[in-house]
Amino acid sequence: MSQTQPSIGEMLAATVPMVRTLNLEFVETSAERAVLRLPDQPDFHNHVAGPHAGAMFTLAESASGAVVLAAFAGQLHRAVPLAVRAEIAYKKLAKGPVTATAHLGRPAAEVVAELDAGERPEFPVRIEITREDGAVTGEMTIVWTLRPNAPGR
């Protein structure tokens, strides 16, 4: 029996039902960036036959969560990553499949140093949503925190 660790995509699909509902595809996940794809699915279209704004928000938020989990996997025993606030701008009409690419906005080591100092660090994750032709259809920033676990947990 294999003792391999589940991938970030497998972990998110198992623990976040919306990832499964939208059939999000994990293209790349590393501590530096995460790339997720939302297939073109008529059940999630809006009134102009493109992906619904809520589906694109979920795609981008999921990409940000994937990079956060990858970057801070070594801290999950002592802190829980939580989204604090988000801002999204829809730039162009999205049609067909769309891809979200998320990048940490601060070095992970800096965030961990704040956690080590007893603080509750906040850090941005920036996400671009693109169509297959490369056009940017949306930009999002999510501010995340690492909330330290309560003593004794």
C-alpha atoms as a PDB file:
ATOM      1  CA  MET A   1       0.000   0.000   0.000  1.00  0.00           C
ATOM      2  CA  SER A   2       1.351   3.395  -0.974  1.00  0.00           C
ATOM      3  CA  GLN A   3       1.928   6.057   1.655  1.00  0.00           C
ATOM      4  CA  THR A   4       1.994   8.987  -0.779  1.00  0.00           C
ATOM      5  CA  GLN A   5       0.576  12.351   0.214  1.00  0.00           C
ATOM      6  CA  PRO A   6      -2.540  13.514  -1.643  1.00  0.00           C
ATOM      7  CA  SER A   7      -1.990  16.324  -4.126  1.00  0.00           C
ATOM      8  CA  ILE A   8      -3.287  19.824  -3.375  1.00  0.00           C
ATOM      9  CA  GLY A   9      -5.942  19.255  -6.040  1.00  0.00           C
ATOM     10  CA  GLU A  10      -7.053  16.011  -4.414  1.00  0.00           C
ATOM     11  CA  MET A  11      -7.153  17.676  -0.986  1.00  0.00           C
ATOM     12  CA  LEU A  12      -9.254  20.606  -2.239  1.00  0.00           C
ATOM     13  CA  ALA A  13     -11.597  18.345  -4.209  1.00  0.00           C
ATOM     14  CA  ALA A  14     -12.097  16.208  -1.084  1.00  0.00           C
ATOM     15  CA  THR A  15     -12.682  19.096   1.332  1.00  0.00           C
ATOM     16  CA  VAL A  16     -14.276  21.857  -0.782  1.00  0.00           C
ATOM     17  CA  PRO A  17     -17.468  20.638  -2.475  1.00  0.00           C
ATOM     18  CA  MET A  18     -17.586  23.573  -4.935  1.00  0.00           C
ATOM     19  CA  VAL A  19     -14.298  22.389  -6.479  1.00  0.00           C
ATOM     20  CA  ARG A  20     -16.035  19.123  -7.366  1.00  0.00           C
ATOM     21  CA  THR A  21     -19.305  20.794  -8.361  1.00  0.00           C
ATOM     22  CA  LEU A  22     -17.577  23.032 -10.919  1.00  0.00           C
ATOM     23  CA  ASN A  23     -15.263  20.222 -12.122  1.00  0.00           C
ATOM     24  CA  LEU A  24     -12.210  22.429 -11.644  1.00  0.00           C
ATOM     25  CA  GLU A  25      -9.031  21.064 -13.183  1.00  0.00           C
ATOM     26  CA  PHE A  26      -5.682  21.489 -11.412  1.00  0.00           C
ATOM     27  CA  VAL A  27      -3.168  22.273 -14.153  1.00  0.00           C
ATOM     28  CA  GLU A  28      -0.243  23.286 -11.906  1.00  0.00           C
ATOM     29  CA  THR A  29       0.203  23.716  -8.173  1.00  0.00           C
ATOM     30  CA  SER A  30       3.400  24.873  -6.510  1.00  0.00           C
ATOM     31  CA  ALA A  31       4.409  27.128  -3.628  1.00  0.00           C
ATOM     32  CA  GLU A  32       4.941  29.901  -6.187  1.00  0.00           C
ATOM     33  CA  ARG A  33       1.799  29.642  -8.313  1.00  0.00           C
ATOM     34  CA  ALA A  34      -1.321  27.648  -8.981  1.00  0.00           C
ATOM     35  CA  VAL A  35      -3.124  27.284 -12.295  1.00  0.00           C
ATOM     36  CA  LEU A  36      -6.700  25.969 -12.374  1.00  0.00           C
ATOM     37  CA  ARG A  37      -9.049  25.581 -15.326  1.00  0.00           C
ATOM     38  CA  LEU A  38     -12.831  25.842 -15.452  1.00  0.00           C
ATOM     39  CA  PRO A  39     -14.123  23.761 -18.387  1.00  0.00           C
ATOM     40  CA  ASP A  40     -16.861  25.220 -20.578  1.00  0.00           C
ATOM     41  CA  GLN A  41     -20.058  23.848 -18.999  1.00  0.00           C
ATOM     42  CA  PRO A  42     -23.503  25.110 -20.072  1.00  0.00           C
ATOM     43  CA  ASP A  43     -24.901  24.425 -16.575  1.00  0.00           C
ATOM     44  CA  PHE A  44     -22.643  27.218 -15.271  1.00  0.00           C
ATOM     45  CA  HIS A  45     -23.229  29.776 -18.051  1.00  0.00           C
ATOM     46  CA  ASN A  46     -24.615  33.255 -17.570  1.00  0.00           C
ATOM     47  CA  HIS A  47     -27.120  35.118 -19.748  1.00  0.00           C
ATOM     48  CA  VAL A  48     -24.497  35.699 -22.507  1.00  0.00           C
ATOM     49  CA  ALA A  49     -23.423  32.020 -22.704  1.00  0.00           C
ATOM     50  CA  GLY A  50     -20.106  32.462 -20.914  1.00  0.00           C
ATOM     51  CA  PRO A  51     -19.043  31.231 -17.485  1.00  0.00           C
ATOM     52  CA  HIS A  52     -21.115  32.791 -14.709  1.00  0.00           C
ATOM     53  CA  ALA A  53     -19.368  35.444 -12.595  1.00  0.00           C
ATOM     54  CA  GLY A  54     -19.842  33.271  -9.507  1.00  0.00           C
ATOM     55  CA  ALA A  55     -18.149  30.331 -11.220  1.00  0.00           C
ATOM     56  CA  MET A  56     -15.206  32.553 -12.218  1.00  0.00           C
ATOM     57  CA  PHE A  57     -14.974  33.908  -8.658  1.00  0.00           C
ATOM     58  CA  THR A  58     -14.894  30.342  -7.318  1.00  0.00           C
ATOM     59  CA  LEU A  59     -12.262  29.345  -9.888  1.00  0.00           C
ATOM     60  CA  ALA A  60     -10.008  32.259  -8.868  1.00  0.00           C
ATOM     61  CA  GLU A  61     -10.584  31.728  -5.136  1.00  0.00           C
ATOM     62  CA  SER A  62      -9.773  28.034  -5.524  1.00  0.00           C
ATOM     63  CA  ALA A  63      -6.545  28.861  -7.386  1.00  0.00           C
ATOM     64  CA  SER A  64      -5.571  31.207  -4.572  1.00  0.00           C
ATOM     65  CA  GLY A  65      -6.337  28.519  -1.990  1.00  0.00           C
ATOM     66  CA  ALA A  66      -4.203  26.013  -3.873  1.00  0.00           C
ATOM     67  CA  VAL A  67      -1.129  28.262  -3.885  1.00  0.00           C
ATOM     68  CA  VAL A  68      -1.692  29.118  -0.200  1.00  0.00           C
ATOM     69  CA  LEU A  69      -1.889  25.428   0.737  1.00  0.00           C
ATOM     70  CA  ALA A  70       1.219  24.631  -1.295  1.00  0.00           C
ATOM     71  CA  ALA A  71       3.205  27.564   0.122  1.00  0.00           C
ATOM     72  CA  PHE A  72       2.217  26.983   3.742  1.00  0.00           C
ATOM     73  CA  ALA A  73       1.778  23.193   3.900  1.00  0.00           C
ATOM     74  CA  GLY A  74       4.446  23.039   6.595  1.00  0.00           C
ATOM     75  CA  GLN A  75       2.444  25.398   8.835  1.00  0.00           C
ATOM     76  CA  LEU A  76      -0.936  23.630   8.756  1.00  0.00           C
ATOM     77  CA  HIS A  77      -0.246  21.869  12.070  1.00  0.00           C
ATOM     78  CA  ARG A  78      -0.245  25.241  13.839  1.00  0.00           C
ATOM     79  CA  ALA A  79      -2.332  27.619  11.712  1.00  0.00           C
ATOM     80  CA  VAL A  80      -5.408  27.595   9.496  1.00  0.00           C
ATOM     81  CA  PRO A  81      -5.368  29.546   6.221  1.00  0.00           C
ATOM     82  CA  LEU A  82      -8.481  31.706   5.844  1.00  0.00           C
ATOM     83  CA  ALA A  83      -9.559  34.184   3.187  1.00  0.00           C
ATOM     84  CA  VAL A  84     -10.096  37.607   4.789  1.00  0.00           C
ATOM     85  CA  ARG A  85     -11.412  39.690   1.874  1.00  0.00           C
ATOM     86  CA  ALA A  86     -11.544  39.618  -1.897  1.00  0.00           C
ATOM     87  CA  GLU A  87     -11.880  42.043  -4.768  1.00  0.00           C
ATOM     88  CA  ILE A  88     -12.568  41.033  -8.349  1.00  0.00           C
ATOM     89  CA  ALA A  89     -12.719  43.006 -11.583  1.00  0.00           C
ATOM     90  CA  TYR A  90     -14.359  41.520 -14.653  1.00  0.00           C
ATOM     91  CA  LYS A  91     -12.411  42.955 -17.612  1.00  0.00           C
ATOM     92  CA  LYS A  92     -13.631  41.236 -20.787  1.00  0.00           C
ATOM     93  CA  LEU A  93     -16.361  38.858 -21.804  1.00  0.00           C
ATOM     94  CA  ALA A  94     -15.364  35.302 -20.992  1.00  0.00           C
ATOM     95  CA  LYS A  95     -16.364  32.526 -23.370  1.00  0.00           C
ATOM     96  CA  GLY A  96     -15.409  28.880 -23.348  1.00  0.00           C
ATOM     97  CA  PRO A  97     -13.012  27.426 -20.789  1.00  0.00           C
ATOM     98  CA  VAL A  98     -11.189  29.891 -18.550  1.00  0.00           C
ATOM     99  CA  THR A  99      -7.985  29.548 -16.549  1.00  0.00           C
ATOM    100  CA  ALA A 100      -7.015  31.203 -13.264  1.00  0.00           C
ATOM    101  CA  THR A 101      -3.359  31.736 -12.368  1.00  0.00           C
ATOM    102  CA  ALA A 102      -2.634  32.679  -8.747  1.00  0.00           C
ATOM    103  CA  HIS A 103       0.603  34.101  -7.293  1.00  0.00           C
ATOM    104  CA  LEU A 104       1.529  34.898  -3.690  1.00  0.00           C
ATOM    105  CA  GLY A 105       1.907  38.650  -3.195  1.00  0.00           C
ATOM    106  CA  ARG A 106       4.523  38.334  -0.404  1.00  0.00           C
ATOM    107  CA  PRO A 107       7.403  35.930   0.157  1.00  0.00           C
ATOM    108  CA  ALA A 108       6.226  32.908   2.146  1.00  0.00           C
ATOM    109  CA  ALA A 109       9.253  33.173   4.470  1.00  0.00           C
ATOM    110  CA  GLU A 110       8.156  36.689   5.479  1.00  0.00           C
ATOM    111  CA  VAL A 111       4.658  35.441   6.327  1.00  0.00           C
ATOM    112  CA  VAL A 112       6.046  32.511   8.351  1.00  0.00           C
ATOM    113  CA  ALA A 113       8.366  34.886  10.247  1.00  0.00           C
ATOM    114  CA  GLU A 114       5.314  36.899  11.355  1.00  0.00           C
ATOM    115  CA  LEU A 115       3.580  33.689  12.428  1.00  0.00           C
ATOM    116  CA  ASP A 116       6.736  32.700  14.366  1.00  0.00           C
ATOM    117  CA  ALA A 117       6.635  36.104  16.090  1.00  0.00           C
ATOM    118  CA  GLY A 118       3.139  35.322  17.406  1.00  0.00           C
ATOM    119  CA  GLU A 119       1.322  37.497  14.883  1.00  0.00           C
ATOM    120  CA  ARG A 120      -1.589  36.676  12.613  1.00  0.00           C
ATOM    121  CA  PRO A 121      -0.072  37.520   9.233  1.00  0.00           C
ATOM    122  CA  GLU A 122      -2.065  38.745   6.251  1.00  0.00           C
ATOM    123  CA  PHE A 123      -0.881  38.454   2.672  1.00  0.00           C
ATOM    124  CA  PRO A 124      -2.373  39.028  -0.771  1.00  0.00           C
ATOM    125  CA  VAL A 125      -2.766  36.487  -3.536  1.00  0.00           C
ATOM    126  CA  ARG A 126      -3.193  37.928  -7.023  1.00  0.00           C
ATOM    127  CA  ILE A 127      -5.100  35.996  -9.656  1.00  0.00           C
ATOM    128  CA  GLU A 128      -5.583  36.496 -13.388  1.00  0.00           C
ATOM    129  CA  ILE A 129      -8.438  34.796 -15.223  1.00  0.00           C
ATOM    130  CA  THR A 130      -7.841  34.256 -18.936  1.00  0.00           C
ATOM    131  CA  ARG A 131      -9.674  32.865 -21.941  1.00  0.00           C
ATOM    132  CA  GLU A 132      -8.090  30.268 -24.202  1.00  0.00           C
ATOM    133  CA  ASP A 133      -6.919  33.071 -26.536  1.00  0.00           C
ATOM    134  CA  GLY A 134      -4.908  34.565 -23.650  1.00  0.00           C
ATOM    135  CA  ALA A 135      -7.139  37.607 -23.111  1.00  0.00           C
ATOM    136  CA  VAL A 136      -7.459  38.593 -19.455  1.00  0.00           C
ATOM    137  CA  THR A 137     -11.139  38.408 -18.540  1.00  0.00           C
ATOM    138  CA  GLY A 138     -10.759  39.077 -14.838  1.00  0.00           C
ATOM    139  CA  GLU A 139      -8.352  40.070 -12.092  1.00  0.00           C
ATOM    140  CA  MET A 140      -8.786  39.251  -8.441  1.00  0.00           C
ATOM    141  CA  THR A 141      -6.923  39.883  -5.216  1.00  0.00           C
ATOM    142  CA  ILE A 142      -7.676  37.872  -2.110  1.00  0.00           C
ATOM    143  CA  VAL A 143      -6.121  38.749   1.222  1.00  0.00           C
ATOM    144  CA  TRP A 144      -5.459  35.619   3.261  1.00  0.00           C
ATOM    145  CA  THR A 145      -4.393  35.105   6.852  1.00  0.00           C
ATOM    146  CA  LEU A 146      -2.809  32.260   8.765  1.00  0.00           C
ATOM    147  CA  ARG A 147      -4.866  32.050  11.951  1.00  0.00           C
ATOM    148  CA  PRO A 148      -2.821  30.412  14.688  1.00  0.00           C
ATOM    149  CA  ASN A 149      -4.492  27.417  16.289  1.00  0.00           C
ATOM    150  CA  ALA A 150      -5.706  27.886  19.828  1.00  0.00           C
ATOM    151  CA  PRO A 151      -3.282  26.490  22.442  1.00  0.00           C
ATOM    152  CA  GLY A 152      -3.995  22.888  23.311  1.00  0.00           C
ATOM    153  CA  ARG A 153      -5.542  22.030  19.914  1.00  0.00           C
END
